[in-house]
Amino acid sequence: MSRMSRAVPNGRRLGTVIAVVMMSLAAATASAQVARTLDAVQGLNHAVAEAYAPLHSYWVPQMGVHWGVPGPSVIIAVADGNVVSAYEIMVPETVGWFPWFDQPEGEPMLHPELGPVYTQHIYVTEPRTVVEGQRPSYVPMKWSDLVTVNPKLAEYGPISDWIPQMGYHYGPASPGPALLVMVGANDEVFGFEIIQPAEQGWHPWFDQPEGEPMLFPFGPGYTQHVYVVEPDTIAGIR
């Protein structure tokens, strides 16, 4: 066997090793690009960086400290290590009850300032690991994994076509106030969204300028997106 013929298999082996290493690095890089801490989320969402503040100082079991703004918004629960444990919406009892809320129908929680409210949390960490003094364990930022940890998301499905820099919006089949999820064609989760009817007022953390709402099937509305990945990386259907 000539020296050249022996070199070909070795070259192929080296190429295979390089390819495996590159794929491993790519996977690690993709994982690192998901915003898991409040600082990282603030870096991707200027409204969160500019307007959000702690809503209380005490620790809420399996949640941590809630960050948000005084009005309809995507609330962020922050655990130890500055890790985002969950995303949340809070809805006044007067709006009505929906099956994806955390509390049973007719059993709203009593908020010290807002009165009776229903909430909806979508955990991005393992709830049992959200303990004071402990850094919680991440849930893979994949739709199927979020559904496993948040069983009420099982009734969610695509409610929009593919939107550049957003992906598909997933939500409940029936209308109602809910925390929507931006999902990619490969099961990736890109972020979370609320839609607020324009008649209920405008807030500076909304995506659209005041007086320029989007038109939805129910009428004009404002949105707020909170990304966990850089929007420019969501280029098209993959």
C-alpha atoms as a PDB file:
ATOM      1  CA  MET A   1       0.000   0.000   0.000  1.00  0.00           C
ATOM      2  CA  SER A   2       1.430   3.385  -0.950  1.00  0.00           C
ATOM      3  CA  ARG A   3       1.916   6.262   1.476  1.00  0.00           C
ATOM      4  CA  MET A   4      -0.823   8.239  -0.313  1.00  0.00           C
ATOM      5  CA  SER A   5      -3.338   5.408  -0.074  1.00  0.00           C
ATOM      6  CA  ARG A   6      -2.670   5.122   3.651  1.00  0.00           C
ATOM      7  CA  ALA A   7      -3.096   8.858   4.086  1.00  0.00           C
ATOM      8  CA  VAL A   8      -6.601   8.964   2.624  1.00  0.00           C
ATOM      9  CA  PRO A   9      -8.335   7.029   5.453  1.00  0.00           C
ATOM     10  CA  ASN A  10      -6.416   9.062   8.047  1.00  0.00           C
ATOM     11  CA  GLY A  11      -7.518  12.238   6.316  1.00  0.00           C
ATOM     12  CA  ARG A  12     -11.099  11.079   6.341  1.00  0.00           C
ATOM     13  CA  ARG A  13     -10.802  10.186  10.007  1.00  0.00           C
ATOM     14  CA  LEU A  14      -9.365  13.615  10.766  1.00  0.00           C
ATOM     15  CA  GLY A  15     -12.161  15.246   8.787  1.00  0.00           C
ATOM     16  CA  THR A  16     -14.730  13.263  10.757  1.00  0.00           C
ATOM     17  CA  VAL A  17     -13.146  14.280  14.056  1.00  0.00           C
ATOM     18  CA  ILE A  18     -13.113  17.930  13.001  1.00  0.00           C
ATOM     19  CA  ALA A  19     -16.752  17.737  11.916  1.00  0.00           C
ATOM     20  CA  VAL A  20     -17.783  16.205  15.248  1.00  0.00           C
ATOM     21  CA  VAL A  21     -15.886  18.873  17.167  1.00  0.00           C
ATOM     22  CA  MET A  22     -17.426  21.628  15.060  1.00  0.00           C
ATOM     23  CA  MET A  23     -20.933  20.245  15.619  1.00  0.00           C
ATOM     24  CA  SER A  24     -20.288  20.056  19.360  1.00  0.00           C
ATOM     25  CA  LEU A  25     -19.062  23.631  19.375  1.00  0.00           C
ATOM     26  CA  ALA A  26     -22.071  24.736  17.343  1.00  0.00           C
ATOM     27  CA  ALA A  27     -24.421  23.021  19.778  1.00  0.00           C
ATOM     28  CA  ALA A  28     -22.674  24.634  22.739  1.00  0.00           C
ATOM     29  CA  THR A  29     -22.812  28.010  21.029  1.00  0.00           C
ATOM     30  CA  ALA A  30     -26.521  27.639  20.239  1.00  0.00           C
ATOM     31  CA  SER A  31     -27.214  26.750  23.863  1.00  0.00           C
ATOM     32  CA  ALA A  32     -25.171  29.695  25.109  1.00  0.00           C
ATOM     33  CA  GLN A  33     -27.150  32.092  22.908  1.00  0.00           C
ATOM     34  CA  VAL A  34     -30.385  31.455  24.815  1.00  0.00           C
ATOM     35  CA  ALA A  35     -30.943  34.190  27.389  1.00  0.00           C
ATOM     36  CA  ARG A  36     -31.258  32.515  30.783  1.00  0.00           C
ATOM     37  CA  THR A  37     -30.531  35.370  33.196  1.00  0.00           C
ATOM     38  CA  LEU A  38     -32.324  38.655  33.719  1.00  0.00           C
ATOM     39  CA  ASP A  39     -29.239  40.516  32.478  1.00  0.00           C
ATOM     40  CA  ALA A  40     -29.232  38.509  29.243  1.00  0.00           C
ATOM     41  CA  VAL A  41     -32.960  39.060  28.706  1.00  0.00           C
ATOM     42  CA  GLN A  42     -32.502  42.780  29.308  1.00  0.00           C
ATOM     43  CA  GLY A  43     -29.732  42.775  26.715  1.00  0.00           C
ATOM     44  CA  LEU A  44     -32.151  41.429  24.101  1.00  0.00           C
ATOM     45  CA  ASN A  45     -35.191  43.513  25.070  1.00  0.00           C
ATOM     46  CA  HIS A  46     -34.646  47.240  25.566  1.00  0.00           C
ATOM     47  CA  ALA A  47     -38.078  47.740  27.165  1.00  0.00           C
ATOM     48  CA  VAL A  48     -37.218  45.186  29.859  1.00  0.00           C
ATOM     49  CA  ALA A  49     -33.883  46.927  30.438  1.00  0.00           C
ATOM     50  CA  GLU A  50     -35.379  50.405  30.609  1.00  0.00           C
ATOM     51  CA  ALA A  51     -38.742  49.954  32.321  1.00  0.00           C
ATOM     52  CA  TYR A  52     -38.688  46.785  34.430  1.00  0.00           C
ATOM     53  CA  ALA A  53     -38.089  46.799  38.182  1.00  0.00           C
ATOM     54  CA  PRO A  54     -38.729  44.353  41.051  1.00  0.00           C
ATOM     55  CA  LEU A  55     -42.433  44.229  41.887  1.00  0.00           C
ATOM     56  CA  HIS A  56     -41.729  43.079  45.467  1.00  0.00           C
ATOM     57  CA  SER A  57     -38.773  42.312  47.717  1.00  0.00           C
ATOM     58  CA  TYR A  58     -39.887  39.020  49.265  1.00  0.00           C
ATOM     59  CA  TRP A  59     -39.247  35.525  47.864  1.00  0.00           C
ATOM     60  CA  VAL A  60     -42.197  33.703  46.280  1.00  0.00           C
ATOM     61  CA  PRO A  61     -41.852  29.909  46.589  1.00  0.00           C
ATOM     62  CA  GLN A  62     -40.977  28.177  43.284  1.00  0.00           C
ATOM     63  CA  MET A  63     -40.809  31.563  41.526  1.00  0.00           C
ATOM     64  CA  GLY A  64     -38.420  33.995  43.185  1.00  0.00           C
ATOM     65  CA  VAL A  65     -38.848  37.753  42.728  1.00  0.00           C
ATOM     66  CA  HIS A  66     -41.136  39.101  40.005  1.00  0.00           C
ATOM     67  CA  TRP A  67     -39.884  41.845  37.711  1.00  0.00           C
ATOM     68  CA  GLY A  68     -42.275  43.917  35.638  1.00  0.00           C
ATOM     69  CA  VAL A  69     -44.035  47.207  35.099  1.00  0.00           C
ATOM     70  CA  PRO A  70     -47.299  48.716  36.411  1.00  0.00           C
ATOM     71  CA  GLY A  71     -49.590  47.544  33.645  1.00  0.00           C
ATOM     72  CA  PRO A  72     -50.311  44.641  31.267  1.00  0.00           C
ATOM     73  CA  SER A  73     -46.975  43.056  30.402  1.00  0.00           C
ATOM     74  CA  VAL A  74     -44.890  39.900  30.259  1.00  0.00           C
ATOM     75  CA  ILE A  75     -43.773  39.528  33.886  1.00  0.00           C
ATOM     76  CA  ILE A  76     -40.431  37.827  34.592  1.00  0.00           C
ATOM     77  CA  ALA A  77     -39.850  35.646  37.665  1.00  0.00           C
ATOM     78  CA  VAL A  78     -36.195  35.732  38.732  1.00  0.00           C
ATOM     79  CA  ALA A  79     -34.609  33.122  40.999  1.00  0.00           C
ATOM     80  CA  ASP A  80     -31.210  32.958  42.665  1.00  0.00           C
ATOM     81  CA  GLY A  81     -28.216  33.510  40.432  1.00  0.00           C
ATOM     82  CA  ASN A  82     -30.315  36.065  38.525  1.00  0.00           C
ATOM     83  CA  VAL A  83     -31.778  33.124  36.590  1.00  0.00           C
ATOM     84  CA  VAL A  84     -35.170  33.624  34.935  1.00  0.00           C
ATOM     85  CA  SER A  85     -37.366  30.874  36.351  1.00  0.00           C
ATOM     86  CA  ALA A  86     -40.620  31.656  34.532  1.00  0.00           C
ATOM     87  CA  TYR A  87     -42.550  34.118  32.378  1.00  0.00           C
ATOM     88  CA  GLU A  88     -45.980  35.212  33.551  1.00  0.00           C
ATOM     89  CA  ILE A  89     -49.105  37.250  32.923  1.00  0.00           C
ATOM     90  CA  MET A  90     -51.479  38.569  35.578  1.00  0.00           C
ATOM     91  CA  VAL A  91     -55.148  39.084  34.716  1.00  0.00           C
ATOM     92  CA  PRO A  92     -57.847  40.784  36.844  1.00  0.00           C
ATOM     93  CA  GLU A  93     -60.612  38.430  37.967  1.00  0.00           C
ATOM     94  CA  THR A  94     -63.167  40.642  36.222  1.00  0.00           C
ATOM     95  CA  VAL A  95     -61.756  39.601  32.815  1.00  0.00           C
ATOM     96  CA  GLY A  96     -62.934  36.048  33.464  1.00  0.00           C
ATOM     97  CA  TRP A  97     -61.333  32.633  33.906  1.00  0.00           C
ATOM     98  CA  PHE A  98     -59.586  30.510  31.269  1.00  0.00           C
ATOM     99  CA  PRO A  99     -58.347  26.907  31.555  1.00  0.00           C
ATOM    100  CA  TRP A 100     -54.680  27.796  31.061  1.00  0.00           C
ATOM    101  CA  PHE A 101     -54.619  29.945  34.207  1.00  0.00           C
ATOM    102  CA  ASP A 102     -52.730  28.673  37.253  1.00  0.00           C
ATOM    103  CA  GLN A 103     -55.671  28.873  39.653  1.00  0.00           C
ATOM    104  CA  PRO A 104     -58.933  26.881  39.467  1.00  0.00           C
ATOM    105  CA  GLU A 105     -62.028  28.709  38.263  1.00  0.00           C
ATOM    106  CA  GLY A 106     -63.495  30.890  40.964  1.00  0.00           C
ATOM    107  CA  GLU A 107     -60.314  30.758  43.078  1.00  0.00           C
ATOM    108  CA  PRO A 108     -58.231  33.785  42.058  1.00  0.00           C
ATOM    109  CA  MET A 109     -55.243  34.798  44.155  1.00  0.00           C
ATOM    110  CA  LEU A 110     -55.460  38.023  46.130  1.00  0.00           C
ATOM    111  CA  HIS A 111     -52.851  40.518  44.967  1.00  0.00           C
ATOM    112  CA  PRO A 112     -51.985  43.115  47.646  1.00  0.00           C
ATOM    113  CA  GLU A 113     -52.389  45.998  45.193  1.00  0.00           C
ATOM    114  CA  LEU A 114     -54.535  44.699  42.317  1.00  0.00           C
ATOM    115  CA  GLY A 115     -57.045  42.647  44.267  1.00  0.00           C
ATOM    116  CA  PRO A 116     -58.283  39.273  42.944  1.00  0.00           C
ATOM    117  CA  VAL A 117     -56.265  38.145  39.909  1.00  0.00           C
ATOM    118  CA  TYR A 118     -55.569  35.032  37.886  1.00  0.00           C
ATOM    119  CA  THR A 119     -52.052  34.238  36.705  1.00  0.00           C
ATOM    120  CA  GLN A 120     -50.407  32.135  34.039  1.00  0.00           C
ATOM    121  CA  HIS A 121     -46.807  31.034  34.458  1.00  0.00           C
ATOM    122  CA  ILE A 122     -44.686  29.317  31.819  1.00  0.00           C
ATOM    123  CA  TYR A 123     -41.676  27.794  33.538  1.00  0.00           C
ATOM    124  CA  VAL A 124     -38.313  27.701  31.773  1.00  0.00           C
ATOM    125  CA  THR A 125     -36.700  26.018  34.796  1.00  0.00           C
ATOM    126  CA  GLU A 126     -37.667  22.943  36.800  1.00  0.00           C
ATOM    127  CA  PRO A 127     -40.137  24.372  39.355  1.00  0.00           C
ATOM    128  CA  ARG A 128     -38.962  22.060  42.146  1.00  0.00           C
ATOM    129  CA  THR A 129     -35.436  23.471  41.809  1.00  0.00           C
ATOM    130  CA  VAL A 130     -36.572  27.099  42.228  1.00  0.00           C
ATOM    131  CA  VAL A 131     -35.551  27.282  45.867  1.00  0.00           C
ATOM    132  CA  GLU A 132     -34.205  30.271  47.760  1.00  0.00           C
ATOM    133  CA  GLY A 133     -30.421  30.057  47.960  1.00  0.00           C
ATOM    134  CA  GLN A 134     -30.189  27.595  45.045  1.00  0.00           C
ATOM    135  CA  ARG A 135     -29.568  28.161  41.346  1.00  0.00           C
ATOM    136  CA  PRO A 136     -32.449  26.445  39.502  1.00  0.00           C
ATOM    137  CA  SER A 137     -32.069  23.842  36.751  1.00  0.00           C
ATOM    138  CA  TYR A 138     -32.790  24.928  33.186  1.00  0.00           C
ATOM    139  CA  VAL A 139     -35.471  23.370  31.023  1.00  0.00           C
ATOM    140  CA  PRO A 140     -34.266  23.002  27.393  1.00  0.00           C
ATOM    141  CA  MET A 141     -35.690  25.896  25.400  1.00  0.00           C
ATOM    142  CA  LYS A 142     -37.669  23.554  23.160  1.00  0.00           C
ATOM    143  CA  TRP A 143     -41.427  23.562  22.756  1.00  0.00           C
ATOM    144  CA  SER A 144     -41.816  19.876  23.657  1.00  0.00           C
ATOM    145  CA  ASP A 145     -39.792  20.374  26.856  1.00  0.00           C
ATOM    146  CA  LEU A 146     -41.834  23.416  27.867  1.00  0.00           C
ATOM    147  CA  VAL A 147     -45.033  21.400  27.448  1.00  0.00           C
ATOM    148  CA  THR A 148     -43.615  18.642  29.661  1.00  0.00           C
ATOM    149  CA  VAL A 149     -42.914  21.106  32.459  1.00  0.00           C
ATOM    150  CA  ASN A 150     -46.060  23.184  31.795  1.00  0.00           C
ATOM    151  CA  PRO A 151     -48.808  20.612  31.038  1.00  0.00           C
ATOM    152  CA  LYS A 152     -51.480  23.241  30.332  1.00  0.00           C
ATOM    153  CA  LEU A 153     -49.523  24.190  27.202  1.00  0.00           C
ATOM    154  CA  ALA A 154     -50.605  20.874  25.669  1.00  0.00           C
ATOM    155  CA  GLU A 155     -53.727  22.599  24.317  1.00  0.00           C
ATOM    156  CA  TYR A 156     -51.594  25.239  22.591  1.00  0.00           C
ATOM    157  CA  GLY A 157     -50.924  25.143  18.859  1.00  0.00           C
ATOM    158  CA  PRO A 158     -49.832  27.448  16.017  1.00  0.00           C
ATOM    159  CA  ILE A 159     -52.108  30.476  15.736  1.00  0.00           C
ATOM    160  CA  SER A 160     -50.111  32.348  13.081  1.00  0.00           C
ATOM    161  CA  ASP A 161     -48.162  31.718   9.922  1.00  0.00           C
ATOM    162  CA  TRP A 162     -44.373  32.028  10.011  1.00  0.00           C
ATOM    163  CA  ILE A 163     -43.354  35.620  10.775  1.00  0.00           C
ATOM    164  CA  PRO A 164     -39.755  36.706  10.097  1.00  0.00           C
ATOM    165  CA  GLN A 165     -37.774  37.370  13.295  1.00  0.00           C
ATOM    166  CA  MET A 166     -40.590  35.824  15.331  1.00  0.00           C
ATOM    167  CA  GLY A 167     -41.400  32.333  14.039  1.00  0.00           C
ATOM    168  CA  TYR A 168     -44.801  30.772  14.645  1.00  0.00           C
ATOM    169  CA  HIS A 169     -46.936  32.108  17.475  1.00  0.00           C
ATOM    170  CA  TYR A 170     -48.338  29.328  19.648  1.00  0.00           C
ATOM    171  CA  GLY A 171     -51.391  29.911  21.794  1.00  0.00           C
ATOM    172  CA  PRO A 172     -54.698  28.384  22.925  1.00  0.00           C
ATOM    173  CA  ALA A 173     -57.351  27.546  20.362  1.00  0.00           C
ATOM    174  CA  SER A 174     -59.999  29.589  22.181  1.00  0.00           C
ATOM    175  CA  PRO A 175     -59.582  33.371  22.493  1.00  0.00           C
ATOM    176  CA  GLY A 176     -58.663  34.934  25.785  1.00  0.00           C
ATOM    177  CA  PRO A 177     -55.789  36.596  27.631  1.00  0.00           C
ATOM    178  CA  ALA A 178     -52.834  34.228  27.422  1.00  0.00           C
ATOM    179  CA  LEU A 179     -49.060  34.211  27.327  1.00  0.00           C
ATOM    180  CA  LEU A 180     -48.151  33.311  23.753  1.00  0.00           C
ATOM    181  CA  VAL A 181     -44.931  31.575  22.718  1.00  0.00           C
ATOM    182  CA  MET A 182     -42.754  32.157  19.638  1.00  0.00           C
ATOM    183  CA  VAL A 183     -41.689  28.773  18.264  1.00  0.00           C
ATOM    184  CA  GLY A 184     -39.405  27.745  15.413  1.00  0.00           C
ATOM    185  CA  ALA A 185     -39.887  25.022  12.817  1.00  0.00           C
ATOM    186  CA  ASN A 186     -37.356  22.861  14.691  1.00  0.00           C
ATOM    187  CA  ASP A 187     -39.132  23.153  18.050  1.00  0.00           C
ATOM    188  CA  GLU A 188     -36.944  26.041  19.247  1.00  0.00           C
ATOM    189  CA  VAL A 189     -38.518  28.608  21.552  1.00  0.00           C
ATOM    190  CA  PHE A 190     -37.658  32.188  20.630  1.00  0.00           C
ATOM    191  CA  GLY A 191     -39.613  34.158  23.236  1.00  0.00           C
ATOM    192  CA  PHE A 192     -42.963  35.123  24.709  1.00  0.00           C
ATOM    193  CA  GLU A 193     -45.705  37.601  23.790  1.00  0.00           C
ATOM    194  CA  ILE A 194     -48.887  39.263  24.954  1.00  0.00           C
ATOM    195  CA  ILE A 195     -51.565  40.935  22.827  1.00  0.00           C
ATOM    196  CA  GLN A 196     -53.481  43.766  24.431  1.00  0.00           C
ATOM    197  CA  PRO A 197     -56.675  45.262  22.898  1.00  0.00           C
ATOM    198  CA  ALA A 198     -55.941  48.845  21.895  1.00  0.00           C
ATOM    199  CA  GLU A 199     -59.098  50.066  23.657  1.00  0.00           C
ATOM    200  CA  GLN A 200     -57.466  49.134  26.967  1.00  0.00           C
ATOM    201  CA  GLY A 201     -54.727  51.695  26.481  1.00  0.00           C
ATOM    202  CA  TRP A 202     -51.111  52.018  25.359  1.00  0.00           C
ATOM    203  CA  HIS A 203     -47.924  51.568  27.399  1.00  0.00           C
ATOM    204  CA  PRO A 204     -44.353  52.501  26.466  1.00  0.00           C
ATOM    205  CA  TRP A 205     -43.101  48.901  26.660  1.00  0.00           C
ATOM    206  CA  PHE A 206     -45.412  47.829  23.808  1.00  0.00           C
ATOM    207  CA  ASP A 207     -43.835  47.045  20.433  1.00  0.00           C
ATOM    208  CA  GLN A 208     -45.882  49.576  18.456  1.00  0.00           C
ATOM    209  CA  PRO A 209     -45.855  53.376  18.858  1.00  0.00           C
ATOM    210  CA  GLU A 210     -48.843  54.940  20.579  1.00  0.00           C
ATOM    211  CA  GLY A 211     -51.790  55.245  18.211  1.00  0.00           C
ATOM    212  CA  GLU A 212     -50.407  52.652  15.770  1.00  0.00           C
ATOM    213  CA  PRO A 213     -51.818  49.289  16.914  1.00  0.00           C
ATOM    214  CA  MET A 214     -51.820  46.148  14.765  1.00  0.00           C
ATOM    215  CA  LEU A 215     -55.071  44.755  13.379  1.00  0.00           C
ATOM    216  CA  PHE A 216     -56.087  41.361  14.749  1.00  0.00           C
ATOM    217  CA  PRO A 217     -59.253  39.284  14.146  1.00  0.00           C
ATOM    218  CA  PHE A 218     -60.716  40.764  17.344  1.00  0.00           C
ATOM    219  CA  GLY A 219     -59.760  44.311  16.307  1.00  0.00           C
ATOM    220  CA  PRO A 220     -56.789  46.624  16.876  1.00  0.00           C
ATOM    221  CA  GLY A 221     -54.270  45.646  19.513  1.00  0.00           C
ATOM    222  CA  TYR A 222     -50.786  46.260  20.843  1.00  0.00           C
ATOM    223  CA  THR A 223     -48.179  43.566  21.457  1.00  0.00           C
ATOM    224  CA  GLN A 224     -45.183  43.020  23.686  1.00  0.00           C
ATOM    225  CA  HIS A 225     -42.547  40.468  22.745  1.00  0.00           C
ATOM    226  CA  VAL A 226     -39.837  39.330  25.153  1.00  0.00           C
ATOM    227  CA  TYR A 227     -37.112  37.474  23.284  1.00  0.00           C
ATOM    228  CA  VAL A 228     -34.795  34.800  24.657  1.00  0.00           C
ATOM    229  CA  VAL A 229     -32.727  34.713  21.438  1.00  0.00           C
ATOM    230  CA  GLU A 230     -31.394  37.465  19.206  1.00  0.00           C
ATOM    231  CA  PRO A 231     -34.254  38.332  16.776  1.00  0.00           C
ATOM    232  CA  ASP A 232     -31.834  38.689  13.837  1.00  0.00           C
ATOM    233  CA  THR A 233     -31.037  34.959  14.108  1.00  0.00           C
ATOM    234  CA  ILE A 234     -34.681  34.113  13.300  1.00  0.00           C
ATOM    235  CA  ALA A 235     -34.305  34.549   9.554  1.00  0.00           C
ATOM    236  CA  GLY A 236     -36.770  32.138   7.999  1.00  0.00           C
ATOM    237  CA  ILE A 237     -38.418  28.726   8.110  1.00  0.00           C
ATOM    238  CA  ARG A 238     -35.874  26.019   8.888  1.00  0.00           C
END
